[in-house]
Each structure stands twice: as structure tokens, then as C-alpha cells.
């Protein structure tokens, strides 16, 4: 698989690889793996939130504001 990069992005990648002493392919693989893992985690969190809403497990606007106020003004 080949993925074309803009010249600017390729230059940044080359610079980062040189600064870290790593291969560009390794950096791209690790970055893509991290992105895909985070995306899956995020989607799972959204599904859990939607399931909570479906169960009626939510806070009112007033309760939410009160919790935020307690966080910032204990």
C-alpha cells in the first residue's frame, strides 16, 4: 500500500524521523495504530453514553451545572 503525502507533511515526517533516529515507516505505523485504537475507544465511549441515555440514566442541566460549580469552586 502506498499513501501519498503532501511535500510539507513528508518533510515533517522526515525531520521527525531524523531527530528520533527512527524509520519513517515505523513512525507512520505507530501513529496509525494509536489513531485506530483511540477511534475505537471513542466509539465505544459514545455507545456507552447513548446506552445510558436510552436507560434514562442522565443528569439534568441543573445537576450538571452544580457538579461543575463544585469542581471549580469547592
Protein backbone atom coordinates (compact mmCIF):
# COMPACT_ATOMS: atom_id res chain seq x y z
CA UNK A 1 0.00 0.00 0.00
CA UNK A 2 1.27 3.42 -0.88
CA UNK A 3 -0.14 6.62 0.57
CA UNK A 4 0.92 9.92 -0.96
CA UNK A 5 1.77 12.75 1.45
CA UNK A 6 1.95 16.44 0.75
CA UNK A 7 5.52 17.68 0.45
CA UNK A 8 5.08 19.61 3.71
CA UNK A 9 3.88 16.55 5.64
CA UNK A 10 6.60 14.37 4.17
CA UNK A 11 9.24 16.93 5.18
CA UNK A 12 7.88 17.00 8.75
CA UNK A 13 7.91 13.20 8.87
CA UNK A 14 11.48 13.03 7.55
CA UNK A 15 12.59 15.64 10.06
CA UNK A 16 10.92 13.82 12.93
CA UNK A 17 12.43 10.51 11.86
CA UNK A 18 15.89 12.04 11.68
CA UNK A 19 15.51 13.70 15.08
CA UNK A 20 14.37 10.47 16.73
CA UNK A 21 16.63 8.08 14.84
CA UNK A 22 13.69 6.02 13.64
CA UNK A 23 12.41 4.92 10.25
CA UNK A 24 9.54 6.85 8.73
CA UNK A 25 7.60 3.63 8.16
CA UNK A 26 7.81 2.78 11.85
CA UNK A 27 6.54 6.21 12.85
CA UNK A 28 3.62 6.06 10.43
CA UNK A 29 2.64 2.54 11.57
CA UNK A 30 2.73 3.55 15.24
CA UNK A 31 0.77 6.75 14.60
CA UNK A 32 -1.90 4.90 12.61
CA UNK A 33 -2.16 2.18 15.25
CA UNK A 34 -2.60 4.78 18.00
CA UNK A 35 -5.21 6.62 15.94
CA UNK A 36 -7.22 3.48 15.24
CA UNK A 37 -7.10 2.38 18.90
CA UNK A 38 -8.22 5.82 20.06
CA UNK A 39 -11.00 5.91 17.48
CA UNK A 40 -12.30 2.53 18.65
CA UNK A 41 -12.13 3.63 22.30
CA UNK A 42 -14.01 6.85 21.46
CA UNK A 43 -16.72 5.00 19.54
CA UNK A 44 -17.17 2.62 22.48
CA UNK A 45 -17.47 5.56 24.87
CA UNK A 46 -20.13 7.16 22.67
CA UNK A 47 -22.07 3.88 22.52
CA UNK A 48 -21.92 3.57 26.31
CA UNK A 49 -23.18 7.14 26.65
CA UNK A 50 -26.04 6.52 24.24
CA UNK A 51 -26.97 3.35 26.12
CA UNK A 52 -27.05 5.33 29.38
CA UNK A 53 -29.37 7.87 27.78
CA UNK A 54 -31.61 5.08 26.47
CA UNK A 55 -31.87 3.76 30.04
CA UNK A 56 -32.77 7.23 31.27
CA UNK A 57 -29.52 7.43 33.21
CA UNK A 58 -28.68 11.12 32.79
CA UNK A 59 -28.31 14.35 34.73
CA UNK A 60 -30.48 17.40 34.43
CA UNK A 61 -28.91 20.63 33.26
CA UNK A 62 -29.16 21.99 36.80
CA UNK A 63 -27.40 18.95 38.30
CA UNK A 64 -24.67 19.22 35.69
CA UNK A 65 -24.11 22.92 36.41
CA UNK A 66 -23.99 22.19 40.16
CA UNK A 67 -21.35 19.48 39.67
CA UNK A 68 -19.23 21.76 37.53
CA UNK A 69 -19.55 24.57 40.08
CA UNK A 70 -18.37 22.23 42.86
CA UNK A 71 -15.35 21.23 40.74
CA UNK A 72 -14.23 24.79 40.15
CA UNK A 73 -15.45 26.37 43.37
CA UNK A 74 -15.16 23.79 46.17
